[in-house]
């Protein structure tokens, strides 16, 4: 079975000890948005050369971040649901 591969950001990922500043976060977000818009245009995209591989990496990075955030939100909602009193409705 193949190992799971997730695209990595083109700039270093922030850890709690090494948080990125607002300019880095904005640059990361703009790179992801640019890749998403580029894919939406979709006409004659060459994924193997030119800007294609970089855009694809940014798009996969965006998808991985969204999946991670969705997982975190799900965990938060489950914790809140477990703490909420059962109203029987």
PDB file of N, CA and C in Angstrom:
ATOM      1  N   UNK A   1       0.845  -1.172   0.000  1.00  0.00           N
ATOM      2  CA  UNK A   1       0.000   0.000   0.000  1.00  0.00           C
ATOM      3  C   UNK A   1       0.891   1.236   0.000  1.00  0.00           C
ATOM      4  N   UNK A   2       0.541   2.208  -0.791  1.00  0.00           N
ATOM      5  CA  UNK A   2       1.329   3.438  -0.883  1.00  0.00           C
ATOM      6  C   UNK A   2       1.180   4.259   0.393  1.00  0.00           C
ATOM      7  N   UNK A   3       2.233   4.984   0.715  1.00  0.00           N
ATOM      8  CA  UNK A   3       2.164   5.852   1.883  1.00  0.00           C
ATOM      9  C   UNK A   3       1.428   7.128   1.531  1.00  0.00           C
ATOM     10  N   UNK A   4       0.814   7.728   2.521  1.00  0.00           N
ATOM     11  CA  UNK A   4       0.058   8.956   2.332  1.00  0.00           C
ATOM     12  C   UNK A   4       1.021  10.125   2.168  1.00  0.00           C
ATOM     13  N   UNK A   5       0.829  10.898   1.113  1.00  0.00           N
ATOM     14  CA  UNK A   5       1.668  12.062   0.860  1.00  0.00           C
ATOM     15  C   UNK A   5       0.809  13.306   0.900  1.00  0.00           C
ATOM     16  N   UNK A   6       1.246  14.291   1.677  1.00  0.00           N
ATOM     17  CA  UNK A   6       0.535  15.560   1.766  1.00  0.00           C
ATOM     18  C   UNK A   6       1.484  16.661   1.332  1.00  0.00           C
ATOM     19  N   UNK A   7       0.987  17.536   0.482  1.00  0.00           N
ATOM     20  CA  UNK A   7       1.812  18.647   0.008  1.00  0.00           C
ATOM     21  C   UNK A   7       2.252  19.505   1.181  1.00  0.00           C
ATOM     22  N   UNK A   8       3.426  20.013   1.094  1.00  0.00           N
ATOM     23  CA  UNK A   8       3.969  20.870   2.136  1.00  0.00           C
ATOM     24  C   UNK A   8       4.013  22.309   1.656  1.00  0.00           C
ATOM     25  N   UNK A   9       3.862  23.254   2.572  1.00  0.00           N
ATOM     26  CA  UNK A   9       3.920  24.663   2.185  1.00  0.00           C
ATOM     27  C   UNK A   9       5.298  25.033   1.662  1.00  0.00           C
ATOM     28  N   UNK A  10       5.341  26.072   0.840  1.00  0.00           N
ATOM     29  CA  UNK A  10       6.611  26.510   0.293  1.00  0.00           C
ATOM     30  C   UNK A  10       7.411  27.297   1.318  1.00  0.00           C
ATOM     31  N   UNK A  11       6.762  27.739   2.384  1.00  0.00           N
ATOM     32  CA  UNK A  11       7.450  28.417   3.474  1.00  0.00           C
ATOM     33  C   UNK A  11       7.356  27.536   4.709  1.00  0.00           C
ATOM     34  N   UNK A  12       8.245  27.702   5.688  1.00  0.00           N
ATOM     35  CA  UNK A  12       8.244  26.826   6.859  1.00  0.00           C
ATOM     36  C   UNK A  12       6.921  26.881   7.619  1.00  0.00           C
ATOM     37  N   UNK A  13       6.510  25.737   8.118  1.00  0.00           N
ATOM     38  CA  UNK A  13       5.290  25.653   8.921  1.00  0.00           C
ATOM     39  C   UNK A  13       5.578  26.196  10.305  1.00  0.00           C
ATOM     40  N   UNK A  14       4.628  26.946  10.840  1.00  0.00           N
ATOM     41  CA  UNK A  14       4.807  27.541  12.173  1.00  0.00           C
ATOM     42  C   UNK A  14       4.551  26.494  13.241  1.00  0.00           C
ATOM     43  N   UNK A  15       5.389  26.481  14.226  1.00  0.00           N
ATOM     44  CA  UNK A  15       5.121  25.690  15.418  1.00  0.00           C
ATOM     45  C   UNK A  15       4.765  26.687  16.519  1.00  0.00           C
ATOM     46  N   UNK A  16       4.333  26.175  17.649  1.00  0.00           N
ATOM     47  CA  UNK A  16       3.977  27.094  18.727  1.00  0.00           C
ATOM     48  C   UNK A  16       5.192  27.869  19.202  1.00  0.00           C
ATOM     49  N   UNK A  17       6.365  27.242  19.099  1.00  0.00           N
ATOM     50  CA  UNK A  17       7.590  27.921  19.514  1.00  0.00           C
ATOM     51  C   UNK A  17       8.074  28.915  18.465  1.00  0.00           C
ATOM     52  N   UNK A  18       7.671  28.721  17.218  1.00  0.00           N
ATOM     53  CA  UNK A  18       8.161  29.532  16.113  1.00  0.00           C
ATOM     54  C   UNK A  18       6.973  30.010  15.282  1.00  0.00           C
ATOM     55  N   UNK A  19       6.079  30.804  15.883  1.00  0.00           N
ATOM     56  CA  UNK A  19       4.877  31.267  15.201  1.00  0.00           C
ATOM     57  C   UNK A  19       5.231  32.222  14.074  1.00  0.00           C
ATOM     58  N   UNK A  20       4.500  32.108  12.967  1.00  0.00           N
ATOM     59  CA  UNK A  20       4.726  32.978  11.830  1.00  0.00           C
ATOM     60  C   UNK A  20       4.081  34.333  12.092  1.00  0.00           C
ATOM     61  N   UNK A  21       4.664  35.351  11.495  1.00  0.00           N
ATOM     62  CA  UNK A  21       4.048  36.662  11.641  1.00  0.00           C
ATOM     63  C   UNK A  21       2.933  36.815  10.611  1.00  0.00           C
ATOM     64  N   UNK A  22       2.205  37.904  10.706  1.00  0.00           N
ATOM     65  CA  UNK A  22       1.048  38.119   9.847  1.00  0.00           C
ATOM     66  C   UNK A  22       1.424  38.146   8.366  1.00  0.00           C
ATOM     67  N   UNK A  23       2.579  38.703   8.033  1.00  0.00           N
ATOM     68  CA  UNK A  23       3.000  38.769   6.629  1.00  0.00           C
ATOM     69  C   UNK A  23       3.224  37.364   6.065  1.00  0.00           C
ATOM     70  N   UNK A  24       3.820  36.459   6.854  1.00  0.00           N
ATOM     71  CA  UNK A  24       4.033  35.088   6.394  1.00  0.00           C
ATOM     72  C   UNK A  24       2.703  34.361   6.211  1.00  0.00           C
ATOM     73  N   UNK A  25       1.811  34.533   7.183  1.00  0.00           N
ATOM     74  CA  UNK A  25       0.501  33.894   7.081  1.00  0.00           C
ATOM     75  C   UNK A  25      -0.271  34.415   5.873  1.00  0.00           C
ATOM     76  N   UNK A  26      -0.193  35.715   5.631  1.00  0.00           N
ATOM     77  CA  UNK A  26      -0.862  36.293   4.471  1.00  0.00           C
ATOM     78  C   UNK A  26      -0.261  35.755   3.177  1.00  0.00           C
ATOM     79  N   UNK A  27       1.067  35.659   3.114  1.00  0.00           N
ATOM     80  CA  UNK A  27       1.728  35.128   1.919  1.00  0.00           C
ATOM     81  C   UNK A  27       1.297  33.687   1.664  1.00  0.00           C
ATOM     82  N   UNK A  28       1.225  32.876   2.712  1.00  0.00           N
ATOM     83  CA  UNK A  28       0.781  31.488   2.577  1.00  0.00           C
ATOM     84  C   UNK A  28      -0.643  31.417   2.052  1.00  0.00           C
ATOM     85  N   UNK A  29      -1.527  32.211   2.633  1.00  0.00           N
ATOM     86  CA  UNK A  29      -2.929  32.208   2.227  1.00  0.00           C
ATOM     87  C   UNK A  29      -3.086  32.686   0.793  1.00  0.00           C
ATOM     88  N   UNK A  30      -2.336  33.711   0.410  1.00  0.00           N
ATOM     89  CA  UNK A  30      -2.410  34.201  -0.964  1.00  0.00           C
ATOM     90  C   UNK A  30      -1.898  33.158  -1.955  1.00  0.00           C
ATOM     91  N   UNK A  31      -0.873  32.412  -1.592  1.00  0.00           N
ATOM     92  CA  UNK A  31      -0.371  31.340  -2.456  1.00  0.00           C
ATOM     93  C   UNK A  31      -1.428  30.264  -2.659  1.00  0.00           C
ATOM     94  N   UNK A  32      -2.122  29.913  -1.583  1.00  0.00           N
ATOM     95  CA  UNK A  32      -3.176  28.912  -1.685  1.00  0.00           C
ATOM     96  C   UNK A  32      -4.337  29.424  -2.527  1.00  0.00           C
ATOM     97  N   UNK A  33      -4.750  30.661  -2.295  1.00  0.00           N
ATOM     98  CA  UNK A  33      -5.857  31.243  -3.049  1.00  0.00           C
ATOM     99  C   UNK A  33      -5.521  31.346  -4.524  1.00  0.00           C
ATOM    100  N   UNK A  34      -4.300  31.763  -4.825  1.00  0.00           N
ATOM    101  CA  UNK A  34      -3.860  31.871  -6.211  1.00  0.00           C
ATOM    102  C   UNK A  34      -3.923  30.506  -6.902  1.00  0.00           C
ATOM    103  N   UNK A  35      -3.482  29.457  -6.210  1.00  0.00           N
ATOM    104  CA  UNK A  35      -3.533  28.111  -6.774  1.00  0.00           C
ATOM    105  C   UNK A  35      -4.968  27.675  -7.011  1.00  0.00           C
ATOM    106  N   UNK A  36      -5.849  27.972  -6.073  1.00  0.00           N
ATOM    107  CA  UNK A  36      -7.250  27.604  -6.217  1.00  0.00           C
ATOM    108  C   UNK A  36      -7.882  28.308  -7.410  1.00  0.00           C
ATOM    109  N   UNK A  37      -7.632  29.599  -7.544  1.00  0.00           N
ATOM    110  CA  UNK A  37      -8.183  30.351  -8.669  1.00  0.00           C
ATOM    111  C   UNK A  37      -7.595  29.875  -9.991  1.00  0.00           C
ATOM    112  N   UNK A  38      -6.325  29.532  -9.988  1.00  0.00           N
ATOM    113  CA  UNK A  38      -5.666  29.044 -11.196  1.00  0.00           C
ATOM    114  C   UNK A  38      -6.322  27.750 -11.660  1.00  0.00           C
ATOM    115  N   UNK A  39      -6.651  26.873 -10.711  1.00  0.00           N
ATOM    116  CA  UNK A  39      -7.306  25.617 -11.045  1.00  0.00           C
ATOM    117  C   UNK A  39      -8.731  25.871 -11.538  1.00  0.00           C
ATOM    118  N   UNK A  40      -9.409  26.826 -10.942  1.00  0.00           N
ATOM    119  CA  UNK A  40     -10.776  27.136 -11.367  1.00  0.00           C
ATOM    120  C   UNK A  40     -10.809  27.614 -12.817  1.00  0.00           C
ATOM    121  N   UNK A  41      -9.780  28.309 -13.238  1.00  0.00           N
ATOM    122  CA  UNK A  41      -9.702  28.743 -14.637  1.00  0.00           C
ATOM    123  C   UNK A  41      -9.619  27.506 -15.517  1.00  0.00           C
ATOM    124  N   UNK A  42      -8.737  26.586 -15.148  1.00  0.00           N
ATOM    125  CA  UNK A  42      -8.703  25.246 -15.688  1.00  0.00           C
ATOM    126  C   UNK A  42      -8.342  25.031 -17.136  1.00  0.00           C
ATOM    127  N   UNK A  43      -8.183  26.028 -17.912  1.00  0.00           N
ATOM    128  CA  UNK A  43      -7.960  25.844 -19.344  1.00  0.00           C
ATOM    129  C   UNK A  43      -6.491  25.552 -19.641  1.00  0.00           C
ATOM    130  N   UNK A  44      -6.234  24.437 -20.293  1.00  0.00           N
ATOM    131  CA  UNK A  44      -4.890  24.065 -20.734  1.00  0.00           C
ATOM    132  C   UNK A  44      -3.852  24.077 -19.609  1.00  0.00           C
ATOM    133  N   UNK A  45      -4.208  23.517 -18.458  1.00  0.00           N
ATOM    134  CA  UNK A  45      -3.271  23.447 -17.339  1.00  0.00           C
ATOM    135  C   UNK A  45      -2.322  22.280 -17.566  1.00  0.00           C
ATOM    136  N   UNK A  46      -1.042  22.545 -17.512  1.00  0.00           N
ATOM    137  CA  UNK A  46      -0.026  21.504 -17.599  1.00  0.00           C
ATOM    138  C   UNK A  46       0.493  21.261 -16.187  1.00  0.00           C
ATOM    139  N   UNK A  47       0.069  20.143 -15.580  1.00  0.00           N
ATOM    140  CA  UNK A  47       0.419  19.846 -14.203  1.00  0.00           C
ATOM    141  C   UNK A  47       1.855  19.354 -14.058  1.00  0.00           C
ATOM    142  N   UNK A  48       2.527  19.073 -15.167  1.00  0.00           N
ATOM    143  CA  UNK A  48       3.853  18.458 -15.112  1.00  0.00           C
ATOM    144  C   UNK A  48       4.997  19.430 -15.345  1.00  0.00           C
ATOM    145  N   UNK A  49       4.711  20.627 -15.817  1.00  0.00           N
ATOM    146  CA  UNK A  49       5.802  21.566 -16.080  1.00  0.00           C
ATOM    147  C   UNK A  49       5.328  22.992 -15.822  1.00  0.00           C
ATOM    148  N   UNK A  50       6.245  23.924 -15.937  1.00  0.00           N
ATOM    149  CA  UNK A  50       5.919  25.330 -15.698  1.00  0.00           C
ATOM    150  C   UNK A  50       5.465  25.555 -14.275  1.00  0.00           C
ATOM    151  N   UNK A  51       4.379  26.330 -14.125  1.00  0.00           N
ATOM    152  CA  UNK A  51       3.826  26.612 -12.798  1.00  0.00           C
ATOM    153  C   UNK A  51       2.951  25.482 -12.266  1.00  0.00           C
ATOM    154  N   UNK A  52       2.622  24.516 -13.094  1.00  0.00           N
ATOM    155  CA  UNK A  52       1.699  23.451 -12.705  1.00  0.00           C
ATOM    156  C   UNK A  52       2.041  22.737 -11.414  1.00  0.00           C
ATOM    157  N   UNK A  53       3.261  22.183 -11.286  1.00  0.00           N
ATOM    158  CA  UNK A  53       3.578  21.453 -10.057  1.00  0.00           C
ATOM    159  C   UNK A  53       3.507  22.319  -8.798  1.00  0.00           C
ATOM    160  N   UNK A  54       3.956  23.558  -8.887  1.00  0.00           N
ATOM    161  CA  UNK A  54       3.905  24.450  -7.717  1.00  0.00           C
ATOM    162  C   UNK A  54       2.454  24.747  -7.350  1.00  0.00           C
ATOM    163  N   UNK A  55       1.622  25.016  -8.364  1.00  0.00           N
ATOM    164  CA  UNK A  55       0.203  25.293  -8.098  1.00  0.00           C
ATOM    165  C   UNK A  55      -0.480  24.066  -7.504  1.00  0.00           C
ATOM    166  N   UNK A  56      -0.154  22.905  -8.024  1.00  0.00           N
ATOM    167  CA  UNK A  56      -0.753  21.682  -7.499  1.00  0.00           C
ATOM    168  C   UNK A  56      -0.339  21.459  -6.051  1.00  0.00           C
ATOM    169  N   UNK A  57       0.934  21.689  -5.737  1.00  0.00           N
ATOM    170  CA  UNK A  57       1.392  21.576  -4.351  1.00  0.00           C
ATOM    171  C   UNK A  57       0.626  22.522  -3.444  1.00  0.00           C
ATOM    172  N   UNK A  58       0.444  23.772  -3.881  1.00  0.00           N
ATOM    173  CA  UNK A  58      -0.290  24.748  -3.071  1.00  0.00           C
ATOM    174  C   UNK A  58      -1.748  24.351  -2.906  1.00  0.00           C
ATOM    175  N   UNK A  59      -2.335  23.788  -3.949  1.00  0.00           N
ATOM    176  CA  UNK A  59      -3.729  23.361  -3.882  1.00  0.00           C
ATOM    177  C   UNK A  59      -3.885  22.188  -2.913  1.00  0.00           C
ATOM    178  N   UNK A  60      -2.968  21.232  -2.978  1.00  0.00           N
ATOM    179  CA  UNK A  60      -3.017  20.101  -2.050  1.00  0.00           C
ATOM    180  C   UNK A  60      -2.751  20.553  -0.617  1.00  0.00           C
ATOM    181  N   UNK A  61      -1.878  21.535  -0.464  1.00  0.00           N
ATOM    182  CA  UNK A  61      -1.602  22.112   0.850  1.00  0.00           C
ATOM    183  C   UNK A  61      -2.876  22.735   1.415  1.00  0.00           C
ATOM    184  N   UNK A  62      -3.600  23.479   0.578  1.00  0.00           N
ATOM    185  CA  UNK A  62      -4.855  24.096   0.996  1.00  0.00           C
ATOM    186  C   UNK A  62      -5.858  23.021   1.420  1.00  0.00           C
ATOM    187  N   UNK A  63      -5.993  21.978   0.612  1.00  0.00           N
ATOM    188  CA  UNK A  63      -6.932  20.905   0.937  1.00  0.00           C
ATOM    189  C   UNK A  63      -6.543  20.224   2.249  1.00  0.00           C
ATOM    190  N   UNK A  64      -5.242  20.006   2.458  1.00  0.00           N
ATOM    191  CA  UNK A  64      -4.782  19.370   3.701  1.00  0.00           C
ATOM    192  C   UNK A  64      -5.077  20.254   4.908  1.00  0.00           C
ATOM    193  N   UNK A  65      -4.868  21.561   4.773  1.00  0.00           N
ATOM    194  CA  UNK A  65      -5.169  22.480   5.887  1.00  0.00           C
ATOM    195  C   UNK A  65      -6.657  22.509   6.188  1.00  0.00           C
ATOM    196  N   UNK A  66      -7.487  22.541   5.139  1.00  0.00           N
ATOM    197  CA  UNK A  66      -8.935  22.552   5.350  1.00  0.00           C
ATOM    198  C   UNK A  66      -9.395  21.261   6.022  1.00  0.00           C
ATOM    199  N   UNK A  67      -8.832  20.129   5.603  1.00  0.00           N
ATOM    200  CA  UNK A  67      -9.191  18.850   6.221  1.00  0.00           C
ATOM    201  C   UNK A  67      -8.772  18.824   7.689  1.00  0.00           C
ATOM    202  N   UNK A  68      -7.597  19.359   7.975  1.00  0.00           N
ATOM    203  CA  UNK A  68      -7.123  19.408   9.362  1.00  0.00           C
ATOM    204  C   UNK A  68      -8.022  20.302  10.214  1.00  0.00           C
ATOM    205  N   UNK A  69      -8.366  21.472   9.693  1.00  0.00           N
ATOM    206  CA  UNK A  69      -9.246  22.377  10.433  1.00  0.00           C
ATOM    207  C   UNK A  69     -10.622  21.760  10.636  1.00  0.00           C
ATOM    208  N   UNK A  70     -11.136  21.061   9.618  1.00  0.00           N
ATOM    209  CA  UNK A  70     -12.435  20.401   9.747  1.00  0.00           C
ATOM    210  C   UNK A  70     -12.385  19.326  10.830  1.00  0.00           C
ATOM    211  N   UNK A  71     -11.280  18.584  10.886  1.00  0.00           N
ATOM    212  CA  UNK A  71     -11.120  17.573  11.932  1.00  0.00           C
ATOM    213  C   UNK A  71     -11.089  18.187  13.319  1.00  0.00           C
ATOM    214  N   UNK A  72     -10.379  19.304  13.449  1.00  0.00           N
ATOM    215  CA  UNK A  72     -10.327  20.004  14.737  1.00  0.00           C
ATOM    216  C   UNK A  72     -11.712  20.498  15.140  1.00  0.00           C
ATOM    217  N   UNK A  73     -12.456  21.064  14.187  1.00  0.00           N
ATOM    218  CA  UNK A  73     -13.810  21.542  14.484  1.00  0.00           C
ATOM    219  C   UNK A  73     -14.731  20.394  14.876  1.00  0.00           C
ATOM    220  N   UNK A  74     -14.587  19.262  14.206  1.00  0.00           N
ATOM    221  CA  UNK A  74     -15.388  18.102  14.554  1.00  0.00           C
ATOM    222  C   UNK A  74     -15.094  17.662  15.986  1.00  0.00           C
ATOM    223  N   UNK A  75     -13.809  17.593  16.337  1.00  0.00           N
ATOM    224  CA  UNK A  75     -13.441  17.200  17.702  1.00  0.00           C
ATOM    225  C   UNK A  75     -14.006  18.179  18.730  1.00  0.00           C
ATOM    226  N   UNK A  76     -13.937  19.473  18.424  1.00  0.00           N
ATOM    227  CA  UNK A  76     -14.483  20.489  19.332  1.00  0.00           C
ATOM    228  C   UNK A  76     -15.990  20.320  19.481  1.00  0.00           C
ATOM    229  N   UNK A  77     -16.681  20.061  18.372  1.00  0.00           N
ATOM    230  CA  UNK A  77     -18.137  19.906  18.442  1.00  0.00           C
ATOM    231  C   UNK A  77     -18.519  18.645  19.213  1.00  0.00           C
ATOM    232  N   UNK A  78     -17.735  17.580  19.049  1.00  0.00           N
ATOM    233  CA  UNK A  78     -18.008  16.354  19.804  1.00  0.00           C
ATOM    234  C   UNK A  78     -17.807  16.562  21.297  1.00  0.00           C
ATOM    235  N   UNK A  79     -16.754  17.278  21.678  1.00  0.00           N
ATOM    236  CA  UNK A  79     -16.523  17.567  23.095  1.00  0.00           C
ATOM    237  C   UNK A  79     -17.664  18.404  23.661  1.00  0.00           C
ATOM    238  N   UNK A  80     -18.109  19.409  22.893  1.00  0.00           N
ATOM    239  CA  UNK A  80     -19.207  20.259  23.346  1.00  0.00           C
ATOM    240  C   UNK A  80     -20.502  19.452  23.451  1.00  0.00           C
ATOM    241  N   UNK A  81     -20.727  18.542  22.500  1.00  0.00           N
ATOM    242  CA  UNK A  81     -21.935  17.722  22.521  1.00  0.00           C
ATOM    243  C   UNK A  81     -21.945  16.819  23.739  1.00  0.00           C
ATOM    244  N   UNK A  82     -20.790  16.265  24.084  1.00  0.00           N
ATOM    245  CA  UNK A  82     -20.706  15.372  25.243  1.00  0.00           C
ATOM    246  C   UNK A  82     -20.920  16.120  26.553  1.00  0.00           C
ATOM    247  N   UNK A  83     -20.489  17.385  26.583  1.00  0.00           N
ATOM    248  CA  UNK A  83     -20.651  18.195  27.811  1.00  0.00           C
ATOM    249  C   UNK A  83     -22.064  18.752  27.938  1.00  0.00           C
ATOM    250  N   UNK A  84     -22.778  18.906  26.831  1.00  0.00           N
ATOM    251  CA  UNK A  84     -24.113  19.510  26.863  1.00  0.00           C
ATOM    252  C   UNK A  84     -25.086  18.570  27.596  1.00  0.00           C
ATOM    253  N   UNK A  85     -25.955  19.158  28.386  1.00  0.00           N
ATOM    254  CA  UNK A  85     -26.945  18.322  29.093  1.00  0.00           C
ATOM    255  C   UNK A  85     -27.915  17.713  28.085  1.00  0.00           C
ATOM    256  N   UNK A  86     -28.325  16.478  28.371  1.00  0.00           N
ATOM    257  CA  UNK A  86     -29.260  15.783  27.498  1.00  0.00           C
ATOM    258  C   UNK A  86     -30.654  16.324  27.753  1.00  0.00           C
ATOM    259  N   UNK A  87     -31.244  16.958  26.742  1.00  0.00           N
ATOM    260  CA  UNK A  87     -32.576  17.545  26.892  1.00  0.00           C
ATOM    261  C   UNK A  87     -33.679  16.571  26.504  1.00  0.00           C
ATOM    262  N   UNK A  88     -33.292  15.429  25.903  1.00  0.00           N
ATOM    263  CA  UNK A  88     -34.290  14.434  25.550  1.00  0.00           C
ATOM    264  C   UNK A  88     -35.082  14.785  24.311  1.00  0.00           C
ATOM    265  N   UNK A  89     -34.642  15.769  23.573  1.00  0.00           N
ATOM    266  CA  UNK A  89     -35.375  16.180  22.364  1.00  0.00           C
ATOM    267  C   UNK A  89     -34.797  15.489  21.161  1.00  0.00           C
TER     268      UNK A  89
END
